[in-house]
Protein backbone atom coordinates (compact mmCIF):
# COMPACT_ATOMS: atom_id res chain seq x y z
CA MET A 1 0.00 0.00 0.00
CA ARG A 2 1.27 3.45 -0.86
CA PHE A 3 1.31 6.36 1.55
CA CYS A 4 -1.11 8.34 -0.65
CA GLU A 5 -3.62 5.48 -0.30
CA LEU A 6 -3.12 5.39 3.47
CA ARG A 7 -3.79 9.15 3.73
CA GLN A 8 -7.23 8.72 2.15
CA LYS A 9 -8.43 6.39 4.91
CA GLU A 10 -10.30 7.71 7.94
CA VAL A 11 -9.10 6.53 11.35
CA ILE A 12 -11.84 5.39 13.76
CA ASN A 13 -11.35 4.36 17.38
CA CYS A 14 -13.08 1.02 18.14
CA CYS A 15 -13.33 1.76 21.89
CA ASP A 16 -15.72 4.71 21.57
CA CYS A 17 -16.49 4.79 17.81
CA GLU A 18 -14.94 8.26 17.61
CA ARG A 19 -13.76 9.55 14.24
CA LEU A 20 -10.16 10.67 14.81
CA GLY A 21 -9.43 12.00 11.33
CA TYR A 22 -7.18 11.03 8.44
CA VAL A 23 -3.57 9.84 8.49
CA CYS A 24 -1.23 12.79 7.93
CA ASP A 25 2.16 11.12 8.48
CA VAL A 26 3.85 7.84 9.35
CA ILE A 27 6.96 6.91 11.30
CA PHE A 28 9.12 4.16 9.80
CA ASP A 29 11.80 1.94 11.30
CA PRO A 30 14.85 2.86 9.17
CA CYS A 31 16.38 -0.63 9.47
CA THR A 32 13.37 -2.73 8.49
CA GLY A 33 11.32 -0.20 6.51
CA CYS A 34 8.21 -1.19 8.48
CA ILE A 35 5.67 1.31 9.78
CA GLU A 36 6.04 1.89 13.54
CA LYS A 37 3.39 4.57 14.09
CA ILE A 38 0.77 6.56 12.23
CA ILE A 39 0.07 10.21 13.00
CA VAL A 40 -3.41 11.73 12.87
CA PRO A 41 -4.11 15.43 13.55
CA GLY A 42 -5.80 15.99 16.90
CA PRO A 43 -8.93 17.98 17.66
CA CYS A 44 -9.22 21.46 16.16
CA ARG A 45 -8.72 24.54 18.25
CA ILE A 46 -11.32 27.30 18.37
CA TRP A 47 -14.06 26.38 15.83
CA GLY A 48 -11.45 24.80 13.55
CA PHE A 49 -10.07 28.14 12.37
CA LEU A 50 -6.74 28.00 14.15
CA GLY A 51 -5.68 24.53 13.06
CA HIS A 52 -4.42 21.75 15.31
CA ASP A 53 -2.04 22.02 18.24
CA GLN A 54 -2.09 18.31 19.13
CA GLU A 55 -1.83 15.04 17.23
CA TYR A 56 -2.51 11.37 17.85
CA VAL A 57 0.62 9.20 17.60
CA ILE A 58 -0.78 5.69 17.20
CA PRO A 59 1.52 2.64 17.39
CA PHE A 60 1.07 0.17 14.54
CA ARG A 61 0.25 -2.61 17.03
CA CYS A 62 -2.94 -0.69 17.97
CA ILE A 63 -4.32 -0.98 14.44
CA CYS A 64 -7.09 -3.61 14.39
CA LYS A 65 -8.04 -3.56 10.72
CA ILE A 66 -7.22 -1.63 7.56
CA GLY A 67 -10.23 -1.65 5.28
CA PRO A 68 -10.91 -0.16 1.85
CA ASP A 69 -11.76 3.27 3.27
CA VAL A 70 -11.20 3.15 7.07
CA ILE A 71 -8.53 2.19 9.58
CA LEU A 72 -9.87 0.77 12.85
CA VAL A 73 -7.69 1.35 15.91
CA ASP A 74 -8.10 0.28 19.54
CA ILE A 75 -6.65 3.06 21.69
CA ASN A 76 -7.21 5.27 24.69
CA ALA A 77 -7.21 8.54 22.73
CA LYS A 78 -6.20 10.73 25.68
CA GLU A 79 -3.02 8.72 26.28
CA LEU A 80 -1.85 9.06 22.66
CA LEU A 81 -2.58 12.77 22.20
CA PHE A 82 0.68 14.77 22.06
CA PRO A 83 1.57 18.40 21.26
CA CYS A 84 2.48 19.00 17.62
CA LYS A 85 6.15 19.52 16.84
CA LEU A 86 6.62 22.82 15.09
CA GLU A 87 9.29 22.74 12.42
CA LEU A 88 10.91 26.00 11.43
């Protein structure tokens, strides 16, 4: 599967059926080339106008199923919500 195909899939948490968003980035293991984590933007700030200041960093082991248009994950969303890293 290509990264562009992965980005088109919506991530849904199986625990509470919450729609987390779409994959925006992945973290690879440089030695094996395998995906270690997927990154999904967190909740929007004020009414969605100011963008995102947090993101979900979801380990690959938490992915239950990758379907044709969704990715099902089994996570505690509050534990995997981290501040975004700003790159200058």
